[in-house]
Protein backbone atom coordinates (compact mmCIF):
# COMPACT_ATOMS: atom_id res chain seq x y z
CA MET A 1 5.70 -3.47 -13.48
CA ASP A 2 5.30 -7.23 -13.10
CA LEU A 3 2.42 -9.52 -12.17
CA ALA A 4 2.03 -12.05 -9.39
CA ILE A 5 -0.87 -14.18 -8.15
CA MET A 6 -2.34 -14.01 -4.66
CA VAL A 7 -4.69 -16.61 -3.12
CA GLU A 8 -6.79 -16.54 0.04
CA GLY A 9 -5.43 -19.32 2.21
CA GLN A 10 -8.62 -19.63 4.25
CA ASN A 11 -10.94 -19.84 1.25
CA GLY A 12 -10.79 -23.56 0.54
CA LEU A 13 -7.02 -23.96 0.19
CA ASN A 14 -5.80 -27.52 0.72
CA TRP A 15 -2.72 -29.43 -0.43
CA PRO A 16 -3.97 -30.52 -3.87
CA ARG A 17 -5.12 -27.00 -4.73
CA TRP A 18 -1.96 -25.36 -3.39
CA GLN A 19 0.28 -27.73 -5.30
CA ARG A 20 -1.64 -27.25 -8.56
CA ILE A 21 -1.67 -23.46 -8.27
CA ALA A 22 2.00 -23.24 -7.32
CA ARG A 23 3.07 -25.31 -10.30
CA ALA A 24 0.82 -23.33 -12.63
CA VAL A 25 2.11 -19.96 -11.43
CA GLU A 26 5.69 -21.14 -11.85
CA ASP A 27 5.15 -22.73 -15.26
CA LEU A 28 3.01 -19.90 -16.69
CA GLY A 29 5.62 -17.22 -16.01
CA PHE A 30 4.11 -15.10 -13.23
CA VAL A 31 6.76 -13.44 -11.08
CA GLY A 32 5.41 -14.66 -7.76
CA LEU A 33 2.77 -16.36 -5.62
CA TYR A 34 1.48 -14.85 -2.38
CA ARG A 35 -1.18 -15.94 0.08
CA SER A 36 -3.09 -14.70 3.07
CA ASP A 37 -2.57 -16.00 6.61
CA HIS A 38 -6.01 -16.61 8.11
CA PHE A 39 -7.73 -19.34 10.10
CA THR A 40 -11.21 -18.50 8.77
CA ASN A 41 -13.08 -16.15 6.48
CA MET A 42 -14.84 -13.14 7.96
CA ASN A 43 -18.17 -14.97 7.75
CA PRO A 44 -19.25 -18.62 7.65
CA PRO A 45 -19.19 -21.18 6.22
CA ASP A 46 -15.70 -22.23 7.25
CA LEU A 47 -13.62 -23.79 4.47
CA ASP A 48 -10.28 -25.58 4.16
CA SER A 49 -7.43 -23.39 5.45
CA LEU A 50 -3.87 -24.55 4.88
CA GLU A 51 -1.35 -23.43 7.51
CA LEU A 52 0.77 -20.62 6.11
CA TRP A 53 4.35 -21.43 7.06
CA VAL A 54 4.04 -25.15 6.37
CA SER A 55 2.72 -24.32 2.90
CA LEU A 56 5.56 -21.86 2.26
CA ALA A 57 8.15 -24.44 3.32
CA TRP A 58 6.70 -26.81 0.71
CA LEU A 59 6.73 -24.02 -1.88
CA ALA A 60 10.38 -23.23 -1.15
CA THR A 61 11.48 -26.70 -2.24
CA HIS A 62 8.96 -27.42 -4.99
CA THR A 63 9.48 -24.27 -7.06
CA THR A 64 12.71 -22.81 -8.36
CA ARG A 65 11.93 -19.36 -9.73
CA ILE A 66 8.92 -17.54 -8.28
CA GLU A 67 9.08 -15.15 -5.36
CA PHE A 68 6.53 -15.72 -2.63
CA GLY A 69 5.37 -14.82 0.84
CA PRO A 70 2.50 -14.00 3.17
CA LEU A 71 0.16 -11.05 2.67
CA ALA A 72 0.47 -10.80 5.55
CA THR A 73 1.35 -12.91 8.58
CA PRO A 74 -0.09 -11.25 11.72
CA VAL A 75 1.95 -10.51 14.82
CA SER A 76 -1.21 -11.46 16.72
CA PHE A 77 -0.88 -15.14 15.68
CA ARG A 78 2.78 -15.86 16.41
CA HIS A 79 5.51 -14.39 18.55
CA PRO A 80 7.82 -12.33 16.29
CA THR A 81 10.85 -14.38 17.35
CA LEU A 82 9.15 -17.48 15.95
CA THR A 83 8.18 -15.66 12.76
CA ALA A 84 11.76 -14.44 12.30
CA ARG A 85 13.15 -17.96 12.71
CA MET A 86 10.67 -19.50 10.28
CA ALA A 87 11.21 -16.72 7.75
CA ARG A 88 14.98 -17.18 7.90
CA ASP A 89 14.68 -20.91 7.35
CA VAL A 90 12.12 -20.75 4.54
CA ASP A 91 14.10 -18.02 2.78
CA ASP A 92 17.29 -20.06 3.03
CA LEU A 93 15.46 -23.17 1.83
CA SER A 94 14.20 -21.31 -1.25
CA GLY A 95 17.52 -19.75 -2.17
CA GLY A 96 16.41 -16.25 -1.16
CA ARG A 97 12.93 -15.91 -2.69
CA LEU A 98 10.76 -15.09 0.36
CA HIS A 99 9.16 -11.71 0.97
CA LEU A 100 8.28 -11.46 4.66
CA GLY A 101 4.91 -9.75 4.65
CA VAL A 102 3.86 -8.90 8.21
CA GLY A 103 0.79 -7.24 9.67
CA ALA A 104 -0.98 -6.35 12.87
CA GLY A 105 -3.98 -8.68 12.45
CA TRP A 106 -7.51 -7.43 11.86
CA GLN A 107 -10.14 -10.15 11.48
CA GLU A 108 -12.11 -10.44 14.69
CA ARG A 109 -13.86 -13.75 14.01
CA GLU A 110 -10.73 -15.88 13.68
CA HIS A 111 -9.07 -14.28 16.69
CA SER A 112 -12.12 -14.98 18.82
CA HIS A 113 -12.55 -18.56 17.57
CA PHE A 114 -8.93 -19.57 18.09
CA GLY A 115 -8.13 -17.61 21.23
CA HIS A 116 -5.69 -15.01 19.89
CA PRO A 117 -6.03 -11.56 21.50
CA LEU A 118 -6.61 -8.99 18.76
CA LEU A 119 -6.48 -5.89 21.03
CA GLY A 120 -7.85 -2.44 20.28
CA VAL A 121 -6.58 -0.61 17.23
CA LYS A 122 -3.93 1.52 18.96
CA ALA A 123 -2.59 -1.32 21.10
CA ARG A 124 -2.67 -3.64 18.08
CA MET A 125 -0.55 -1.24 16.05
CA ASP A 126 1.82 -0.65 18.98
CA ARG A 127 2.30 -4.41 19.27
CA PHE A 128 2.87 -4.61 15.52
CA GLU A 129 5.59 -1.96 15.66
CA GLU A 130 7.33 -3.81 18.49
CA GLY A 131 7.08 -7.03 16.49
CA LEU A 132 8.70 -5.35 13.50
CA GLU A 133 11.53 -4.10 15.70
CA VAL A 134 12.10 -7.56 17.17
CA MET A 135 12.13 -9.32 13.80
CA ILE A 136 14.44 -6.78 12.19
CA ARG A 137 16.91 -6.86 15.07
CA LEU A 138 17.07 -10.65 15.03
CA LEU A 139 17.39 -10.92 11.26
CA ARG A 140 19.96 -8.17 10.82
CA SER A 141 22.24 -8.43 13.83
CA ASP A 142 25.24 -10.74 13.87
CA VAL A 143 25.64 -10.21 17.61
CA PRO A 144 23.16 -10.90 20.43
CA VAL A 145 20.48 -8.23 20.82
CA SER A 146 18.23 -7.09 23.64
CA PHE A 147 14.88 -5.35 23.49
CA GLU A 148 12.49 -4.21 26.21
CA GLY A 149 8.96 -3.48 25.05
CA THR A 150 5.42 -3.58 26.36
CA TYR A 151 4.59 -6.76 24.45
CA PHE A 152 7.91 -8.41 23.60
CA THR A 153 11.29 -8.79 25.27
CA LEU A 154 14.68 -10.01 24.07
CA ARG A 155 17.64 -10.85 26.30
CA GLU A 156 20.92 -11.36 24.46
CA ALA A 157 19.08 -13.16 21.66
CA ILE A 158 20.62 -14.20 18.36
CA LEU A 159 19.44 -16.26 15.41
CA LEU A 160 21.81 -19.06 14.49
CA PRO A 161 22.63 -19.95 11.85
CA ARG A 162 22.64 -16.46 10.44
CA PRO A 163 20.40 -15.90 7.39
CA ALA A 164 22.11 -16.80 4.13
CA ARG A 165 20.75 -13.58 2.66
CA PRO A 166 22.39 -10.65 4.52
CA GLY A 167 19.74 -9.14 6.77
CA GLY A 168 17.30 -11.93 6.01
CA PRO A 169 14.30 -11.72 3.69
CA PRO A 170 12.97 -8.24 2.87
CA ILE A 171 10.24 -7.00 5.18
CA LEU A 172 6.95 -6.14 3.48
CA VAL A 173 4.38 -3.98 5.27
CA GLY A 174 0.93 -3.99 3.72
CA GLY A 175 -2.05 -1.70 4.06
CA ASN A 176 -3.38 1.73 3.22
CA GLY A 177 -3.46 3.26 6.70
CA GLU A 178 -2.06 6.76 6.49
CA ARG A 179 -1.42 7.48 10.17
CA ARG A 180 0.43 4.33 11.20
CA THR A 181 0.81 1.73 8.44
CA LEU A 182 2.53 3.92 5.86
CA ARG A 183 4.75 5.46 8.54
CA LEU A 184 5.76 1.96 9.71
CA ALA A 185 6.53 1.01 6.12
CA ALA A 186 8.69 4.11 5.79
CA GLN A 187 10.57 3.31 8.99
CA TYR A 188 11.00 -0.47 8.78
CA ALA A 189 10.08 -1.97 5.40
CA SER A 190 11.89 -2.81 2.20
CA MET A 191 8.53 -3.26 0.45
CA TRP A 192 5.11 -1.63 0.78
CA ASN A 193 1.98 -3.33 -0.52
CA GLY A 194 -1.22 -1.35 -0.98
CA VAL A 195 -4.61 -3.06 -0.92
CA PHE A 196 -7.58 -2.58 -3.28
CA ALA A 197 -6.77 0.95 -4.44
CA THR A 198 -7.72 2.72 -7.65
CA PRO A 199 -4.85 4.20 -9.66
CA THR A 200 -5.73 7.68 -8.36
CA GLU A 201 -5.74 6.51 -4.75
CA TYR A 202 -2.59 4.46 -5.22
CA ARG A 203 -0.74 7.46 -6.63
CA ARG A 204 -1.77 9.54 -3.62
CA LEU A 205 -0.67 6.88 -1.13
CA ASN A 206 2.56 6.38 -3.05
CA GLN A 207 3.36 10.07 -2.83
CA LEU A 208 2.54 10.10 0.87
CA LEU A 209 4.91 7.19 1.43
CA ASP A 210 7.63 9.16 -0.39
CA GLN A 211 7.07 12.01 2.04
CA TYR A 212 7.26 9.72 5.08
CA LEU A 213 10.44 8.10 3.77
CA ILE A 214 12.15 11.46 3.39
CA GLU A 215 11.04 12.43 6.91
CA ALA A 216 12.56 9.14 8.16
CA GLY A 217 15.87 9.94 6.47
CA ARG A 218 15.44 7.41 3.68
CA GLN A 219 15.19 7.71 -0.08
CA PRO A 220 11.91 6.88 -1.87
CA GLY A 221 13.71 4.33 -4.03
CA GLU A 222 14.59 2.24 -0.98
CA VAL A 223 11.04 0.80 -0.76
CA HIS A 224 9.54 -1.37 -3.49
CA ARG A 225 5.88 -0.58 -4.27
CA SER A 226 3.18 -3.17 -4.96
CA LEU A 227 -0.58 -3.58 -4.82
CA MET A 228 -2.82 -6.52 -3.99
CA THR A 229 -6.17 -6.21 -5.72
CA GLY A 230 -8.98 -8.32 -7.10
CA ILE A 231 -9.58 -9.32 -10.68
CA VAL A 232 -12.74 -10.22 -12.60
CA PHE A 233 -11.36 -11.67 -15.82
CA ALA A 234 -12.64 -13.84 -18.67
CA ARG A 235 -11.85 -14.47 -22.31
CA ASP A 236 -15.03 -12.75 -23.55
CA ASP A 237 -17.59 -10.20 -22.39
CA ALA A 238 -20.16 -12.88 -21.62
CA GLY A 239 -17.74 -14.56 -19.26
CA VAL A 240 -16.96 -11.27 -17.52
CA LYS A 241 -20.69 -10.57 -17.13
CA ARG A 242 -21.23 -14.01 -15.63
CA ARG A 243 -18.44 -13.51 -13.09
CA LEU A 244 -19.78 -10.08 -12.12
CA ILE A 245 -23.19 -11.60 -11.43
CA GLU A 246 -21.55 -14.27 -9.25
CA ARG A 247 -19.85 -11.56 -7.19
CA GLY A 248 -22.95 -9.40 -6.89
CA ARG A 249 -21.38 -6.10 -8.01
CA THR A 250 -21.42 -4.18 -11.28
CA ALA A 251 -18.25 -3.50 -13.25
CA ASP A 252 -18.29 0.15 -12.16
CA GLU A 253 -18.70 -0.86 -8.51
CA GLN A 254 -15.78 -3.27 -8.76
CA ARG A 255 -13.52 -0.74 -10.48
CA ALA A 256 -14.38 1.84 -7.81
CA ARG A 257 -12.82 -0.59 -5.31
CA GLY A 258 -9.69 -0.90 -7.44
CA VAL A 259 -10.61 -4.33 -8.89
CA ILE A 260 -9.35 -5.13 -12.39
CA VAL A 261 -12.41 -5.92 -14.54
CA GLY A 262 -12.77 -7.13 -18.10
CA THR A 263 -11.26 -9.13 -20.91
CA ALA A 264 -7.56 -9.00 -21.72
CA GLY A 265 -7.57 -5.57 -23.37
CA ALA A 266 -9.41 -3.90 -20.51
CA ALA A 267 -7.18 -5.60 -17.94
CA VAL A 268 -4.03 -4.44 -19.73
CA ASP A 269 -5.32 -0.85 -19.80
CA GLN A 270 -6.24 -0.82 -16.09
CA LEU A 271 -2.94 -2.38 -15.08
CA GLY A 272 -1.16 0.23 -17.18
CA GLU A 273 -2.82 2.97 -15.12
CA LEU A 274 -1.42 1.38 -11.96
CA ALA A 275 2.05 1.24 -13.49
CA ALA A 276 1.77 4.94 -14.32
CA ALA A 277 0.79 5.59 -10.69
CA GLY A 278 4.11 4.11 -9.51
CA CYS A 279 3.13 0.50 -8.86
CA GLN A 280 5.98 -1.95 -9.48
CA ARG A 281 4.11 -5.21 -8.88
CA VAL A 282 0.44 -6.20 -8.83
CA MET A 283 -0.63 -9.28 -6.87
CA LEU A 284 -3.89 -10.37 -8.50
CA GLN A 285 -6.27 -12.01 -6.04
CA TRP A 286 -7.31 -15.29 -7.68
CA LEU A 287 -10.42 -16.39 -5.78
CA ASP A 288 -11.43 -19.46 -7.81
CA LEU A 289 -8.75 -21.90 -6.70
CA ASP A 290 -9.79 -24.47 -9.30
CA ASP A 291 -9.84 -22.13 -12.30
CA LEU A 292 -6.48 -23.02 -13.80
CA ASP A 293 -7.84 -22.49 -17.32
CA GLY A 294 -8.57 -18.87 -16.46
CA LEU A 295 -5.12 -18.50 -14.97
CA GLU A 296 -3.63 -19.86 -18.19
CA ALA A 297 -5.68 -17.39 -20.26
CA LEU A 298 -4.51 -14.54 -18.04
CA ALA A 299 -0.91 -15.62 -18.53
CA ARG A 300 -1.32 -15.92 -22.30
CA ASP A 301 -3.24 -12.69 -22.97
CA VAL A 302 -2.21 -10.25 -20.23
CA LEU A 303 1.09 -11.34 -18.71
CA PRO A 304 3.22 -10.70 -21.85
CA HIS A 305 2.51 -6.97 -21.46
CA TYR A 306 4.18 -6.98 -18.02
CA GLN A 307 7.32 -9.09 -18.29
């Protein structure tokens, strides 16, 4: 298992912070840097929110090693043909380091504020599946393709130039939904990313995904497994206690949500449980965008166990 960092792009992210974090993640040895694609947080106050694809284009040319991508970019924000084109170009620009995390969209407040139709749950997931089909056809086909759906249509469409990486960047589907999300991951994705799951829950979802993959005629090893979860970390117990108070939940309450809590030893143990449950990568949600000292301590004391 390896470790990456994930930041919330709507939670105060601006250019200076993004540039500092990207350089730190690259220099400290983490395997990747991922970020959300939101206009706003669920609740006010509104904070700085750096546009996703512009920020990833910068990242592609200002880092050389780390893998990166959205967790996840919603079909509700952009037409899938546009997403496929941007993903191709950013992946090519980076030398093949993008993971194309895509989702259906879920946060009502930002959709209402910025005029993007969210749709009901079933229609939203139907639109997401069509978007996946459109993106995959465009990225993987060397000849013009057509598609007739309820939400999206292609007429002899082809992406030129063709992606430098055959088939384009790998598609990542994120979420814990058992009825649709995991089945879509089994059908379309090269990567599945769970969200805030305990090791026990992650193991169960992982096994369910194996079942869906076999039903879809694929092998379980064809889909990489990861988890995005929170972390409450400090060098000493007093620091951990202080951070728990700031977040308003006890350590047990946080761990029940799948959050990694504690000093280095406790974090290593909890991450080890996720590795034993079949997780191949953990994206640690780093909420304090200015805490580069904490990120350095995490890299020094925890990262060497997962390299």
